[in-house]
Protein backbone atom coordinates (compact mmCIF):
# COMPACT_ATOMS: atom_id res chain seq x y z
CA MET A 1 -20.19 9.27 6.53
CA ASN A 2 -19.11 12.84 5.89
CA LEU A 3 -17.73 12.98 2.35
CA GLU A 4 -16.05 16.36 2.94
CA PHE A 5 -12.43 16.58 3.99
CA THR A 6 -11.56 18.95 6.81
CA ASP A 7 -9.52 22.08 6.16
CA GLU A 8 -6.52 20.34 7.75
CA GLN A 9 -6.92 17.31 5.50
CA ARG A 10 -7.20 19.46 2.38
CA LEU A 11 -4.05 21.32 3.40
CA LEU A 12 -2.28 18.02 3.96
CA ALA A 13 -3.25 16.80 0.48
CA GLU A 14 -2.09 20.06 -1.12
CA THR A 15 1.21 19.92 0.77
CA ALA A 16 1.81 16.33 -0.27
CA ARG A 17 1.09 17.13 -3.93
CA ALA A 18 3.48 20.06 -3.82
CA PHE A 19 6.11 17.74 -2.35
CA VAL A 20 5.62 15.29 -5.23
CA ASP A 21 5.89 18.09 -7.77
CA ARG A 22 9.29 19.02 -6.32
CA GLN A 23 10.56 15.46 -6.22
CA ARG A 24 13.20 14.43 -8.77
CA ASP A 25 14.18 10.96 -9.96
CA GLY A 26 17.03 9.60 -7.89
CA ASP A 27 16.17 11.62 -4.78
CA ASP A 28 15.56 9.68 -1.56
CA PRO A 29 12.18 10.96 -0.35
CA TRP A 30 12.28 9.27 3.06
CA PRO A 31 14.08 12.03 5.05
CA ALA A 32 11.68 14.68 3.74
CA ILE A 33 8.65 12.45 4.36
CA ALA A 34 9.72 11.95 7.97
CA GLN A 35 10.53 15.64 8.40
CA ALA A 36 7.00 16.48 7.22
CA GLY A 37 5.61 14.30 10.01
CA TRP A 38 4.02 11.76 7.66
CA ALA A 39 5.89 8.81 9.17
CA ALA A 40 4.39 9.22 12.65
CA PRO A 41 2.92 5.98 14.05
CA LEU A 42 -0.47 5.08 12.65
CA VAL A 43 -2.92 5.45 15.51
CA PRO A 44 -6.15 3.39 15.53
CA GLU A 45 -9.74 4.41 16.21
CA GLY A 46 -10.46 6.77 19.07
CA GLU A 47 -6.87 7.91 19.56
CA SER A 48 -6.11 9.69 16.29
CA ALA A 49 -4.22 12.95 16.44
CA ALA A 50 -3.69 15.31 13.53
CA ASP A 51 -2.09 13.51 10.58
CA ALA A 52 -2.02 10.24 12.57
CA GLY A 53 -5.00 8.39 11.09
CA ILE A 54 -5.49 6.19 8.06
CA VAL A 55 -7.51 8.86 6.20
CA GLU A 56 -4.57 11.25 6.46
CA LEU A 57 -2.16 8.51 5.39
CA ALA A 58 -4.37 7.76 2.37
CA LEU A 59 -4.25 11.43 1.34
CA VAL A 60 -0.45 11.40 1.44
CA CYS A 61 -0.25 8.07 -0.40
CA GLU A 62 -2.59 9.27 -3.15
CA ALA A 63 -0.33 12.26 -3.72
CA LEU A 64 2.79 10.07 -3.77
CA GLY A 65 1.15 7.81 -6.35
CA ARG A 66 0.98 10.71 -8.77
CA GLY A 67 4.80 10.67 -8.98
CA PRO A 68 4.98 7.84 -8.51
CA VAL A 69 7.31 8.33 -5.55
CA PRO A 70 8.42 4.97 -4.12
CA SER A 71 9.14 5.17 -0.40
CA PRO A 72 9.17 2.95 2.69
CA LEU A 73 6.24 4.92 4.14
CA ILE A 74 3.64 2.12 4.05
CA ALA A 75 6.16 -0.55 5.05
CA THR A 76 7.28 1.49 8.06
CA ARG A 77 4.11 3.28 9.13
CA VAL A 78 1.71 0.36 8.64
CA LEU A 79 3.51 -2.97 8.37
CA ALA A 80 6.00 -2.31 11.17
CA SER A 81 4.70 0.57 13.27
CA LEU A 82 1.09 -0.59 13.66
CA PRO A 83 1.79 -4.08 15.11
CA ILE A 84 4.41 -2.63 17.46
CA TYR A 85 1.89 0.01 18.56
CA LEU A 86 -0.87 -2.57 19.06
CA ASP A 87 1.05 -5.48 20.58
CA GLY A 88 4.52 -4.29 21.57
CA THR A 89 5.82 -3.83 25.06
CA SER A 90 6.45 -0.30 26.28
CA GLU A 91 10.16 -0.91 25.77
CA GLN A 92 9.62 -2.01 22.15
CA GLN A 93 7.36 0.97 21.49
CA ASP A 94 9.81 3.43 23.03
CA ARG A 95 12.67 2.00 21.02
CA TRP A 96 11.10 1.84 17.57
CA LEU A 97 8.11 4.17 17.21
CA PRO A 98 10.03 7.46 17.73
CA ALA A 99 12.75 6.19 15.38
CA PHE A 100 10.19 5.44 12.69
CA ALA A 101 8.57 8.84 13.18
CA ASP A 102 11.79 10.83 12.77
CA GLY A 103 13.02 8.72 9.87
CA SER A 104 16.08 7.36 11.63
CA ALA A 105 14.74 3.80 11.29
CA ILE A 106 12.80 1.88 8.67
CA GLY A 107 10.66 -1.17 9.36
CA THR A 108 8.67 -3.75 7.48
CA MET A 109 6.77 -7.01 7.94
CA ALA A 110 7.63 -10.46 6.56
CA LEU A 111 4.51 -12.48 5.77
CA LEU A 112 4.78 -14.54 2.60
CA GLU A 113 6.47 -17.93 2.34
CA SER A 114 7.12 -20.02 -0.77
CA VAL A 115 3.91 -22.02 -0.22
CA SER A 116 1.73 -18.99 0.61
CA ARG A 117 -1.27 -18.16 -1.53
CA ASP A 118 -1.09 -14.54 -0.38
CA GLU A 119 -0.40 -12.44 2.71
CA TRP A 120 -3.61 -13.65 4.35
CA ASP A 121 -2.41 -17.27 4.61
CA THR A 122 -1.55 -18.64 8.04
CA PRO A 123 2.25 -18.53 8.51
CA GLY A 124 4.01 -21.88 8.48
CA MET A 125 7.36 -20.79 9.92
CA SER A 126 7.87 -21.89 13.50
CA GLY A 127 8.34 -19.11 16.02
CA VAL A 128 9.51 -21.35 18.86
CA GLY A 129 13.06 -20.54 19.88
CA ARG A 130 15.28 -19.15 17.16
CA LEU A 131 13.90 -18.49 13.69
CA SER A 132 14.85 -20.62 10.71
CA GLY A 133 13.39 -20.43 7.22
CA THR A 134 12.77 -17.95 4.43
CA LYS A 135 10.21 -15.21 3.90
CA ILE A 136 9.73 -13.92 0.36
CA VAL A 137 8.57 -10.67 -1.27
CA VAL A 138 9.36 -8.63 1.83
CA PRO A 139 9.00 -4.91 0.96
CA TRP A 140 11.93 -2.61 1.73
CA ALA A 141 13.78 -5.34 3.67
CA SER A 142 17.06 -4.24 2.12
CA ARG A 143 16.74 -0.89 3.94
CA ALA A 144 14.89 -2.05 7.05
CA ASP A 145 16.38 -1.85 10.51
CA VAL A 146 13.77 -4.17 11.99
CA ILE A 147 11.39 -6.74 10.53
CA VAL A 148 8.15 -7.89 12.11
CA VAL A 149 8.07 -11.61 11.25
CA ALA A 150 4.78 -13.51 11.14
CA THR A 151 5.18 -17.05 12.46
CA ALA A 152 2.83 -19.88 13.39
CA ASP A 153 3.48 -19.01 17.03
CA GLY A 154 2.96 -15.24 16.91
CA LEU A 155 4.77 -12.13 15.75
CA ARG A 156 8.50 -11.74 16.26
CA LEU A 157 10.88 -8.79 15.95
CA VAL A 158 14.19 -9.30 14.19
CA GLU A 159 16.85 -6.64 13.78
CA THR A 160 18.44 -6.89 10.36
CA ALA A 161 21.87 -6.08 11.77
CA SER A 162 21.71 -9.29 13.78
CA ALA A 163 23.78 -12.26 12.76
CA ASN A 164 22.22 -15.02 10.68
CA VAL A 165 19.91 -12.78 8.62
CA GLN A 166 20.45 -12.93 4.85
CA ILE A 167 18.62 -10.45 2.63
CA ASP A 168 18.54 -11.12 -1.12
CA GLY A 169 16.97 -8.08 -2.75
CA HIS A 170 15.33 -7.60 -6.12
CA ASP A 171 13.32 -4.87 -7.81
CA GLY A 172 9.57 -4.95 -7.45
CA LEU A 173 7.18 -4.47 -10.35
CA ASP A 174 6.48 -0.87 -9.32
CA GLY A 175 10.08 0.10 -8.57
CA GLU A 176 9.92 -0.56 -4.82
CA PRO A 177 12.57 -2.99 -3.52
CA LEU A 178 11.53 -6.48 -2.45
CA ALA A 179 13.62 -9.23 -0.89
CA ALA A 180 13.81 -12.82 0.21
CA VAL A 181 14.85 -12.86 3.87
CA THR A 182 16.45 -16.03 5.19
CA PHE A 183 16.74 -16.70 8.91
CA ASP A 184 19.29 -19.25 10.10
CA SER A 185 18.78 -19.89 13.80
CA THR A 186 18.23 -16.16 14.23
CA ASP A 187 17.47 -14.48 17.54
CA ALA A 188 13.90 -13.13 17.52
CA GLU A 189 12.09 -11.08 20.13
CA PRO A 190 8.41 -11.95 20.78
CA LEU A 191 5.93 -9.19 19.96
CA GLY A 192 2.87 -9.61 22.14
CA THR A 193 1.60 -12.81 23.69
CA GLY A 194 -1.09 -13.90 21.21
CA ASP A 195 -0.94 -15.75 17.90
CA GLY A 196 -0.79 -12.47 16.01
CA GLY A 197 -3.65 -13.37 13.69
CA VAL A 198 -5.95 -10.54 14.75
CA THR A 199 -3.16 -7.98 14.54
CA ILE A 200 -2.08 -9.21 11.10
CA ALA A 201 -5.65 -8.80 9.83
CA VAL A 202 -5.76 -5.21 11.12
CA VAL A 203 -2.39 -4.46 9.54
CA LEU A 204 -3.38 -5.97 6.17
CA ASP A 205 -6.63 -3.98 6.05
CA HIS A 206 -4.76 -0.73 6.71
CA ALA A 207 -2.01 -1.61 4.22
CA ALA A 208 -4.56 -2.45 1.51
CA VAL A 209 -6.21 0.96 1.92
CA ALA A 210 -2.89 2.81 1.82
CA ARG A 211 -1.75 0.91 -1.28
CA LEU A 212 -5.10 1.52 -2.96
CA ALA A 213 -4.76 5.25 -2.33
CA TYR A 214 -1.29 5.14 -3.91
CA ALA A 215 -2.75 3.31 -6.94
CA VAL A 216 -5.61 5.82 -7.23
CA GLY A 217 -3.06 8.63 -7.38
CA ALA A 218 -1.24 6.78 -10.17
CA ALA A 219 -4.50 6.22 -12.04
CA GLU A 220 -5.46 9.89 -11.76
CA ARG A 221 -2.13 10.91 -13.27
CA ALA A 222 -2.55 8.31 -16.02
CA LEU A 223 -5.95 9.83 -16.87
CA GLU A 224 -4.39 13.29 -17.12
CA LEU A 225 -1.75 11.94 -19.51
CA THR A 226 -4.41 10.17 -21.55
CA VAL A 227 -6.66 13.22 -21.88
CA GLN A 228 -3.65 15.34 -22.83
CA HIS A 229 -2.65 12.82 -25.50
CA ALA A 230 -6.21 12.65 -26.83
CA THR A 231 -6.16 16.45 -27.11
CA ASP A 232 -2.73 16.76 -28.72
CA ARG A 233 -2.85 13.78 -31.09
CA HIS A 234 -4.59 14.51 -34.41
CA GLN A 235 -5.96 12.12 -36.99
CA PHE A 236 -8.06 13.01 -40.04
CA GLY A 237 -7.53 16.68 -39.25
CA ARG A 238 -8.99 16.63 -35.73
CA PRO A 239 -7.96 15.63 -32.18
CA ILE A 240 -8.54 11.93 -31.52
CA GLY A 241 -10.39 12.93 -28.34
CA SER A 242 -13.17 14.29 -30.54
CA PHE A 243 -13.99 10.74 -31.66
CA GLN A 244 -16.58 9.02 -29.54
CA ALA A 245 -14.59 5.78 -29.21
CA VAL A 246 -11.70 7.66 -27.58
CA ALA A 247 -13.80 10.13 -25.58
CA HIS A 248 -15.89 7.35 -24.06
CA ARG A 249 -12.79 5.46 -22.96
CA CYS A 250 -11.60 8.56 -21.11
CA ALA A 251 -15.06 9.03 -19.59
CA GLU A 252 -15.05 5.43 -18.36
CA MET A 253 -11.63 6.00 -16.82
CA ARG A 254 -13.00 9.04 -14.98
CA ALA A 255 -15.94 7.08 -13.59
CA GLU A 256 -13.82 4.09 -12.50
CA ILE A 257 -11.21 6.26 -10.77
CA ASP A 258 -13.89 8.26 -8.94
CA ALA A 259 -15.48 5.02 -7.75
CA CYS A 260 -12.12 3.68 -6.54
CA ARG A 261 -11.36 6.95 -4.76
CA TYR A 262 -14.73 6.93 -3.00
CA LEU A 263 -14.26 3.32 -1.89
CA THR A 264 -10.74 4.12 -0.70
CA TYR A 265 -11.81 6.89 1.65
CA ARG A 266 -14.96 5.07 2.69
CA ALA A 267 -12.76 2.14 3.74
CA ALA A 268 -10.30 4.45 5.49
CA TRP A 269 -13.10 6.21 7.33
CA SER A 270 -14.64 2.85 8.28
CA LEU A 271 -11.37 1.64 9.78
CA GLU A 272 -11.56 4.54 12.22
CA HIS A 273 -15.28 4.91 12.86
CA THR A 274 -17.30 1.71 12.33
CA THR A 275 -17.39 -1.94 13.32
CA ALA A 276 -17.85 -3.02 9.68
CA ARG A 277 -14.21 -2.28 8.94
CA SER A 278 -13.19 -5.38 7.03
CA GLU A 279 -16.30 -5.29 4.83
CA ALA A 280 -15.50 -1.78 3.62
CA VAL A 281 -11.86 -2.63 2.96
CA THR A 282 -12.58 -5.88 1.16
CA THR A 283 -15.25 -4.18 -0.99
CA ALA A 284 -12.75 -1.54 -2.04
CA LYS A 285 -9.96 -4.02 -2.72
CA SER A 286 -12.05 -6.50 -4.70
CA TYR A 287 -13.62 -3.77 -6.85
CA ALA A 288 -10.41 -1.79 -7.44
CA ASN A 289 -8.38 -4.83 -8.49
CA GLU A 290 -10.46 -5.11 -11.67
CA ALA A 291 -11.50 -1.47 -12.06
CA LEU A 292 -7.92 -0.23 -12.18
CA ARG A 293 -7.06 -2.91 -14.70
CA ARG A 294 -9.81 -1.52 -16.93
CA VAL A 295 -8.58 2.03 -16.38
CA PHE A 296 -5.10 1.22 -17.61
CA MET A 297 -6.39 -0.88 -20.48
CA HIS A 298 -8.21 2.22 -21.73
CA ALA A 299 -5.15 4.40 -21.11
CA HIS A 300 -2.90 2.18 -23.18
CA GLN A 301 -5.38 1.79 -25.99
CA VAL A 302 -5.77 5.55 -26.31
CA HIS A 303 -2.00 6.03 -26.28
CA GLY A 304 -1.38 3.22 -28.73
CA ALA A 305 2.12 1.80 -29.11
CA MET A 306 3.86 4.76 -27.48
CA GLY A 307 2.21 3.96 -24.13
CA PHE A 308 4.05 0.64 -24.01
CA THR A 309 7.53 2.14 -24.35
CA THR A 310 9.74 2.69 -21.33
CA GLU A 311 10.45 6.21 -22.59
CA HIS A 312 6.82 7.16 -21.90
CA PRO A 313 5.80 7.63 -18.24
CA LEU A 314 2.52 5.71 -18.58
CA HIS A 315 4.18 2.34 -17.98
CA ARG A 316 5.34 3.47 -14.52
CA PHE A 317 1.78 4.14 -13.39
CA THR A 318 0.58 0.88 -14.92
CA ARG A 319 3.17 -0.96 -12.85
CA VAL A 320 1.87 0.70 -9.67
CA ALA A 321 -1.67 -0.49 -10.39
CA LYS A 322 -0.55 -4.04 -11.22
CA ALA A 323 1.60 -4.23 -8.07
CA PHE A 324 -1.44 -3.14 -6.03
CA GLU A 325 -3.59 -5.82 -7.67
CA LEU A 326 -1.03 -8.49 -6.74
CA SER A 327 -0.65 -7.43 -3.12
CA TYR A 328 -2.68 -7.92 0.07
CA GLY A 329 -5.11 -10.44 -1.37
CA SER A 330 -6.58 -11.37 -4.73
CA THR A 331 -10.05 -10.46 -5.94
CA THR A 332 -11.17 -14.00 -5.13
CA ARG A 333 -9.77 -13.78 -1.61
CA HIS A 334 -11.59 -10.54 -0.88
CA ARG A 335 -14.85 -11.64 -2.47
CA ASP A 336 -14.71 -14.72 -0.24
CA ARG A 337 -14.17 -12.45 2.78
CA LEU A 338 -17.08 -10.26 1.77
CA ALA A 339 -19.36 -13.23 1.11
CA THR A 340 -18.52 -14.66 4.53
CA ALA A 341 -19.35 -11.29 6.17
CA MET A 342 -22.69 -11.39 4.33
CA GLY A 343 -23.47 -14.83 5.74
CA LEU A 344 -22.68 -16.66 2.51
CA GLY A 345 -19.98 -19.05 1.40
CA PRO A 346 -19.28 -22.80 1.59
CA ASN A 347 -19.58 -23.01 5.36
CA VAL A 348 -23.10 -21.56 5.50
């Protein structure tokens, strides 16, 4: 693995950070994200063009996490675009992929049901005939034009403008909109001819990496705020950062964030270049779930009570990390996946 980014990738990261610096609360970032070309379909191994791979997406997501800048980028570019690219007919691809790329359409995927343990569970909703039932915690469904629906009988495409689709939205922990989507004998277009399980696994691995990059960006910004506070805040006539107990917490944050960043880009690189893709992703996800929790525990303890107030920006970054931890599989789920890949587990 080459740990160096290319000149083009470094320029992309710098451009994305400059975009975040210009962003203001209340602005809709989606048109500008699409105009920058960052919403182009995510292209898998062997076919990547400039800015089209998961490494490039991770660079953009890390920059957005520094805002944080909530956007339907991951929902559209990974959850919707990737399964349509992999399994869709040429007609489905021609209809939706250019619209996603230019920002004129937003997509997402509906996975979770009320009995689901997490997104990796086998869907229970029947996909035979018209769709009936409810999917929960669907990201950006309130703004989506099309939803890729995971059913027991394969993936289905549902246009939200269709009759018999009810979307009940609510705010997510990190500020991104979520929704319960109820289908009542709703027309649904088959996506591909298989059961969708393999495609869902590919999508979830890519989504986990993108969300981790976003969380790493949030953690990096939280570290900057923490170091600045430790420098500015004085007790006993000296900065609190001069005390070993505080300095060591900041040092541990630095080490944990660097480890998470390395695992993020190792996983992204593996998705494009190796056969051990899932192992790299599940290693990153299972480690980062707990590492980022430790990072933000240190951040809040250094800040003290002020870090828990909504007037201080730290809570926004904490919410990003917690939302990441709760999405795309628990630590236990990913450790089970990794153990199975290592030839361990209850079935060995």
